[in-house]
């Protein structure tokens, strides 16, 4: 089972930032409770709070698929469709720490 890591960039319509953040924070709080979630972080650009970066790591494709079936990710997708001006998702391969290090953390 290979871990899955990705980064999302989303630029939110400035007048919809509060509504979007309610959904984004719900997604974050619920995602970190999932057994296969190793990391879930949300950042905004210092000079532009409506530009967000979300960083997620899941222990396996199966864990990511389970995440995709949750109500909070469905709410996230709806919020992105309604409030985002831009959205990009980039799949990442770990260099450091290695995937083996992450795997040992998920088994502890």
N, C-alpha and C. Protein backbone atom coordinates (compact mmCIF):
# COMPACT_ATOMS: atom_id res chain seq x y z
N UNK A 1 0.84 -1.19 0.00
CA UNK A 1 0.00 0.00 0.00
C UNK A 1 0.88 1.25 0.00
N UNK A 2 0.80 2.00 -1.05
CA UNK A 2 1.60 3.22 -1.16
C UNK A 2 0.83 4.40 -0.59
N UNK A 3 1.54 5.22 0.16
CA UNK A 3 0.89 6.41 0.68
C UNK A 3 0.60 7.40 -0.44
N UNK A 4 -0.33 8.30 -0.18
CA UNK A 4 -0.74 9.29 -1.15
C UNK A 4 -0.60 10.66 -0.50
N UNK A 5 0.16 11.53 -1.16
CA UNK A 5 0.34 12.90 -0.67
C UNK A 5 0.00 13.85 -1.81
N UNK A 6 -0.63 14.95 -1.45
CA UNK A 6 -0.92 15.96 -2.46
C UNK A 6 -1.08 17.33 -1.83
N UNK A 7 -0.96 18.32 -2.69
CA UNK A 7 -1.12 19.71 -2.31
C UNK A 7 -2.20 20.31 -3.19
N UNK A 8 -3.06 21.07 -2.58
CA UNK A 8 -4.14 21.74 -3.31
C UNK A 8 -3.93 23.24 -3.17
N UNK A 9 -4.03 23.93 -4.28
CA UNK A 9 -4.06 25.40 -4.26
C UNK A 9 -5.48 25.79 -4.64
N UNK A 10 -6.08 26.64 -3.84
CA UNK A 10 -7.41 27.14 -4.16
C UNK A 10 -7.46 28.64 -3.89
N UNK A 11 -7.92 29.36 -4.90
CA UNK A 11 -8.13 30.81 -4.76
C UNK A 11 -9.63 31.01 -4.63
N UNK A 12 -10.03 31.51 -3.49
CA UNK A 12 -11.45 31.67 -3.17
C UNK A 12 -11.91 33.08 -3.54
N UNK A 13 -13.15 33.18 -4.01
CA UNK A 13 -13.72 34.51 -4.25
C UNK A 13 -13.66 35.26 -2.92
N UNK A 14 -13.05 36.44 -2.90
CA UNK A 14 -12.84 37.15 -1.64
C UNK A 14 -14.12 37.37 -0.82
N UNK A 15 -15.23 37.62 -1.50
CA UNK A 15 -16.48 37.86 -0.76
C UNK A 15 -17.11 36.57 -0.25
N UNK A 16 -16.53 35.42 -0.57
CA UNK A 16 -17.05 34.12 -0.13
C UNK A 16 -16.08 33.39 0.80
N UNK A 17 -15.01 34.09 1.22
CA UNK A 17 -13.97 33.44 2.02
C UNK A 17 -14.51 32.90 3.35
N UNK A 18 -15.34 33.66 4.05
CA UNK A 18 -15.86 33.18 5.33
C UNK A 18 -16.66 31.90 5.17
N UNK A 19 -17.55 31.87 4.18
CA UNK A 19 -18.35 30.67 3.94
C UNK A 19 -17.46 29.48 3.56
N UNK A 20 -16.48 29.74 2.71
CA UNK A 20 -15.58 28.67 2.29
C UNK A 20 -14.78 28.14 3.48
N UNK A 21 -14.27 29.02 4.31
CA UNK A 21 -13.45 28.59 5.44
C UNK A 21 -14.25 27.75 6.44
N UNK A 22 -15.51 28.01 6.61
CA UNK A 22 -16.33 27.17 7.49
C UNK A 22 -16.31 25.72 7.00
N UNK A 23 -16.47 25.54 5.71
CA UNK A 23 -16.47 24.20 5.14
C UNK A 23 -15.07 23.60 5.17
N UNK A 24 -14.07 24.40 4.83
CA UNK A 24 -12.68 23.91 4.81
C UNK A 24 -12.25 23.44 6.21
N UNK A 25 -12.60 24.20 7.23
CA UNK A 25 -12.22 23.82 8.59
C UNK A 25 -12.99 22.60 9.07
N UNK A 26 -14.24 22.47 8.69
CA UNK A 26 -14.99 21.25 9.00
C UNK A 26 -14.31 20.05 8.35
N UNK A 27 -13.94 20.20 7.08
CA UNK A 27 -13.25 19.12 6.36
C UNK A 27 -11.95 18.75 7.08
N UNK A 28 -11.19 19.75 7.47
CA UNK A 28 -9.92 19.49 8.15
C UNK A 28 -10.13 18.77 9.48
N UNK A 29 -11.04 19.27 10.30
CA UNK A 29 -11.29 18.67 11.62
C UNK A 29 -11.78 17.23 11.50
N UNK A 30 -12.60 16.95 10.50
CA UNK A 30 -13.11 15.59 10.32
C UNK A 30 -12.07 14.68 9.66
N UNK A 31 -11.30 15.22 8.74
CA UNK A 31 -10.30 14.41 8.03
C UNK A 31 -9.23 13.88 8.97
N UNK A 32 -8.78 14.69 9.92
CA UNK A 32 -7.72 14.24 10.81
C UNK A 32 -8.19 13.13 11.75
N UNK A 33 -9.49 12.93 11.85
CA UNK A 33 -10.04 11.83 12.65
C UNK A 33 -10.02 10.50 11.90
N UNK A 34 -9.84 10.54 10.59
CA UNK A 34 -9.88 9.32 9.77
C UNK A 34 -8.64 8.47 10.04
N UNK A 35 -8.84 7.16 10.12
CA UNK A 35 -7.74 6.24 10.45
C UNK A 35 -6.57 6.36 9.47
N UNK A 36 -6.83 6.57 8.20
CA UNK A 36 -5.77 6.60 7.20
C UNK A 36 -5.17 7.96 6.94
N UNK A 37 -5.64 8.99 7.64
CA UNK A 37 -5.09 10.33 7.43
C UNK A 37 -3.83 10.50 8.28
N UNK A 38 -2.73 10.86 7.62
CA UNK A 38 -1.47 11.09 8.32
C UNK A 38 -1.21 12.58 8.53
N UNK A 39 -1.78 13.41 7.66
CA UNK A 39 -1.56 14.85 7.79
C UNK A 39 -2.63 15.59 6.99
N UNK A 40 -3.07 16.71 7.56
CA UNK A 40 -4.02 17.59 6.89
C UNK A 40 -3.74 18.99 7.41
N UNK A 41 -3.29 19.85 6.54
CA UNK A 41 -2.92 21.22 6.93
C UNK A 41 -3.51 22.21 5.93
N UNK A 42 -3.91 23.35 6.45
CA UNK A 42 -4.41 24.43 5.60
C UNK A 42 -3.58 25.68 5.91
N UNK A 43 -3.11 26.32 4.88
CA UNK A 43 -2.36 27.57 4.99
C UNK A 43 -2.99 28.60 4.07
N UNK A 44 -2.80 29.86 4.39
CA UNK A 44 -3.16 30.91 3.43
C UNK A 44 -1.92 31.77 3.20
N UNK A 45 -1.89 32.37 2.01
CA UNK A 45 -0.77 33.25 1.70
C UNK A 45 -0.84 34.46 2.60
N UNK A 46 0.30 34.85 3.09
CA UNK A 46 0.39 35.98 4.03
C UNK A 46 -0.26 37.24 3.45
N UNK A 47 0.02 37.51 2.17
CA UNK A 47 -0.48 38.75 1.57
C UNK A 47 -1.85 38.58 0.92
N UNK A 48 -2.38 37.35 0.93
CA UNK A 48 -3.67 37.12 0.27
C UNK A 48 -4.42 35.98 0.95
N UNK A 49 -5.18 36.27 1.99
CA UNK A 49 -5.87 35.22 2.74
C UNK A 49 -6.85 34.38 1.92
N UNK A 50 -7.27 34.87 0.76
CA UNK A 50 -8.19 34.11 -0.08
C UNK A 50 -7.47 33.07 -0.94
N UNK A 51 -6.14 33.03 -0.86
CA UNK A 51 -5.36 32.02 -1.59
C UNK A 51 -4.86 31.00 -0.58
N UNK A 52 -5.39 29.80 -0.68
CA UNK A 52 -5.12 28.75 0.30
C UNK A 52 -4.31 27.61 -0.29
N UNK A 53 -3.52 26.99 0.55
CA UNK A 53 -2.81 25.77 0.20
C UNK A 53 -3.22 24.72 1.23
N UNK A 54 -3.66 23.58 0.74
CA UNK A 54 -4.05 22.46 1.59
C UNK A 54 -3.06 21.33 1.30
N UNK A 55 -2.53 20.76 2.37
CA UNK A 55 -1.55 19.68 2.25
C UNK A 55 -2.11 18.46 2.95
N UNK A 56 -2.22 17.34 2.22
CA UNK A 56 -2.81 16.12 2.79
C UNK A 56 -1.92 14.91 2.51
N UNK A 57 -1.87 14.01 3.48
CA UNK A 57 -1.19 12.73 3.30
C UNK A 57 -2.11 11.64 3.84
N UNK A 58 -2.28 10.59 3.04
CA UNK A 58 -3.07 9.42 3.43
C UNK A 58 -2.17 8.19 3.36
N UNK A 59 -2.45 7.23 4.22
CA UNK A 59 -1.59 6.05 4.34
C UNK A 59 -1.64 5.15 3.12
N UNK A 60 -2.71 5.24 2.32
CA UNK A 60 -2.87 4.36 1.16
C UNK A 60 -3.95 4.91 0.23
N UNK A 61 -4.02 4.34 -0.95
CA UNK A 61 -5.10 4.68 -1.89
C UNK A 61 -6.45 4.33 -1.27
N UNK A 62 -6.49 3.22 -0.52
CA UNK A 62 -7.74 2.79 0.12
C UNK A 62 -8.20 3.84 1.15
N UNK A 63 -7.24 4.37 1.90
CA UNK A 63 -7.57 5.41 2.89
C UNK A 63 -8.09 6.66 2.19
N UNK A 64 -7.46 7.02 1.07
CA UNK A 64 -7.93 8.19 0.32
C UNK A 64 -9.32 7.93 -0.24
N UNK A 65 -9.56 6.74 -0.73
CA UNK A 65 -10.89 6.41 -1.27
C UNK A 65 -11.96 6.48 -0.16
N UNK A 66 -11.63 6.00 1.03
CA UNK A 66 -12.57 6.10 2.16
C UNK A 66 -12.84 7.57 2.47
N UNK A 67 -11.81 8.40 2.42
CA UNK A 67 -11.96 9.84 2.65
C UNK A 67 -12.91 10.45 1.61
N UNK A 68 -12.77 10.02 0.38
CA UNK A 68 -13.60 10.57 -0.70
C UNK A 68 -15.08 10.26 -0.53
N UNK A 69 -15.41 9.27 0.28
CA UNK A 69 -16.80 8.87 0.48
C UNK A 69 -17.48 9.61 1.64
N UNK A 70 -16.74 10.43 2.36
CA UNK A 70 -17.29 11.09 3.54
C UNK A 70 -18.15 12.29 3.18
N UNK A 71 -19.03 12.63 4.09
CA UNK A 71 -19.89 13.80 3.89
C UNK A 71 -19.08 15.10 3.88
N UNK A 72 -18.03 15.16 4.68
CA UNK A 72 -17.26 16.42 4.74
C UNK A 72 -16.49 16.68 3.46
N UNK A 73 -16.03 15.64 2.76
CA UNK A 73 -15.35 15.89 1.48
C UNK A 73 -16.38 16.25 0.41
N UNK A 74 -17.58 15.71 0.52
CA UNK A 74 -18.64 16.11 -0.42
C UNK A 74 -18.98 17.59 -0.22
N UNK A 75 -19.00 18.04 1.04
CA UNK A 75 -19.26 19.46 1.32
C UNK A 75 -18.11 20.32 0.79
N UNK A 76 -16.86 19.84 0.94
CA UNK A 76 -15.69 20.54 0.41
C UNK A 76 -15.82 20.72 -1.10
N UNK A 77 -16.17 19.65 -1.79
CA UNK A 77 -16.29 19.72 -3.25
C UNK A 77 -17.36 20.73 -3.67
N UNK A 78 -18.47 20.74 -2.95
CA UNK A 78 -19.52 21.71 -3.25
C UNK A 78 -19.05 23.14 -3.02
N UNK A 79 -18.30 23.33 -1.93
CA UNK A 79 -17.77 24.67 -1.63
C UNK A 79 -16.77 25.12 -2.69
N UNK A 80 -15.92 24.21 -3.13
CA UNK A 80 -14.96 24.54 -4.19
C UNK A 80 -15.72 24.94 -5.45
N UNK A 81 -16.73 24.17 -5.82
CA UNK A 81 -17.52 24.47 -7.03
C UNK A 81 -18.20 25.83 -6.92
N UNK A 82 -18.67 26.17 -5.73
CA UNK A 82 -19.43 27.41 -5.56
C UNK A 82 -18.55 28.64 -5.33
N UNK A 83 -17.41 28.47 -4.65
CA UNK A 83 -16.68 29.63 -4.16
C UNK A 83 -15.27 29.81 -4.73
N UNK A 84 -14.74 28.83 -5.44
CA UNK A 84 -13.35 28.93 -5.90
C UNK A 84 -13.26 29.60 -7.26
N UNK A 85 -12.26 30.46 -7.40
CA UNK A 85 -11.92 31.06 -8.70
C UNK A 85 -10.90 30.19 -9.41
N UNK A 86 -10.00 29.57 -8.63
CA UNK A 86 -8.97 28.69 -9.18
C UNK A 86 -8.82 27.49 -8.26
N UNK A 87 -8.46 26.35 -8.85
CA UNK A 87 -8.25 25.13 -8.06
C UNK A 87 -7.24 24.26 -8.80
N UNK A 88 -6.20 23.87 -8.10
CA UNK A 88 -5.18 22.98 -8.67
C UNK A 88 -4.80 21.95 -7.62
N UNK A 89 -4.72 20.69 -8.02
CA UNK A 89 -4.29 19.61 -7.13
C UNK A 89 -3.06 18.97 -7.73
N UNK A 90 -2.00 18.83 -6.92
CA UNK A 90 -0.73 18.28 -7.40
C UNK A 90 -0.41 17.05 -6.55
N UNK A 91 -0.24 15.91 -7.20
CA UNK A 91 0.16 14.68 -6.53
C UNK A 91 1.65 14.77 -6.24
N UNK A 92 2.05 14.37 -5.02
CA UNK A 92 3.44 14.50 -4.58
C UNK A 92 4.04 13.14 -4.24
N UNK A 93 5.34 13.01 -4.42
CA UNK A 93 6.09 11.84 -4.00
C UNK A 93 7.05 12.28 -2.91
N UNK A 94 7.00 11.61 -1.75
CA UNK A 94 7.86 12.04 -0.65
C UNK A 94 9.34 11.80 -0.93
N UNK A 95 10.16 12.77 -0.57
CA UNK A 95 11.60 12.65 -0.64
C UNK A 95 12.15 12.51 0.78
N UNK A 96 11.72 13.41 1.66
CA UNK A 96 12.06 13.33 3.07
C UNK A 96 10.93 13.96 3.88
N UNK A 97 10.44 13.29 4.88
CA UNK A 97 10.73 11.90 5.21
C UNK A 97 10.25 10.96 4.12
N UNK A 98 10.85 9.80 4.06
CA UNK A 98 10.51 8.83 3.02
C UNK A 98 9.14 8.21 3.28
N UNK A 99 8.60 7.55 2.28
CA UNK A 99 7.32 6.87 2.42
C UNK A 99 7.41 5.82 3.53
N UNK A 100 8.56 5.15 3.66
CA UNK A 100 8.72 4.15 4.72
C UNK A 100 8.61 4.78 6.10
N UNK A 101 9.13 5.99 6.26
CA UNK A 101 9.03 6.69 7.55
C UNK A 101 7.57 6.99 7.85
N UNK A 102 6.83 7.46 6.86
CA UNK A 102 5.41 7.75 7.05
C UNK A 102 4.66 6.47 7.38
N UNK A 103 5.00 5.37 6.71
CA UNK A 103 4.33 4.10 6.96
C UNK A 103 4.54 3.66 8.40
N UNK A 104 5.75 3.84 8.92
CA UNK A 104 6.02 3.44 10.30
C UNK A 104 5.24 4.32 11.27
N UNK A 105 5.01 5.58 10.94
CA UNK A 105 4.23 6.48 11.79
C UNK A 105 2.76 6.06 11.80
N UNK A 106 2.26 5.61 10.65
CA UNK A 106 0.85 5.23 10.58
C UNK A 106 0.57 3.91 11.29
N UNK A 107 1.62 3.12 11.52
CA UNK A 107 1.45 1.84 12.21
C UNK A 107 1.65 1.97 13.71
N UNK A 108 2.08 3.15 14.20
CA UNK A 108 2.33 3.29 15.63
C UNK A 108 1.07 3.63 16.40
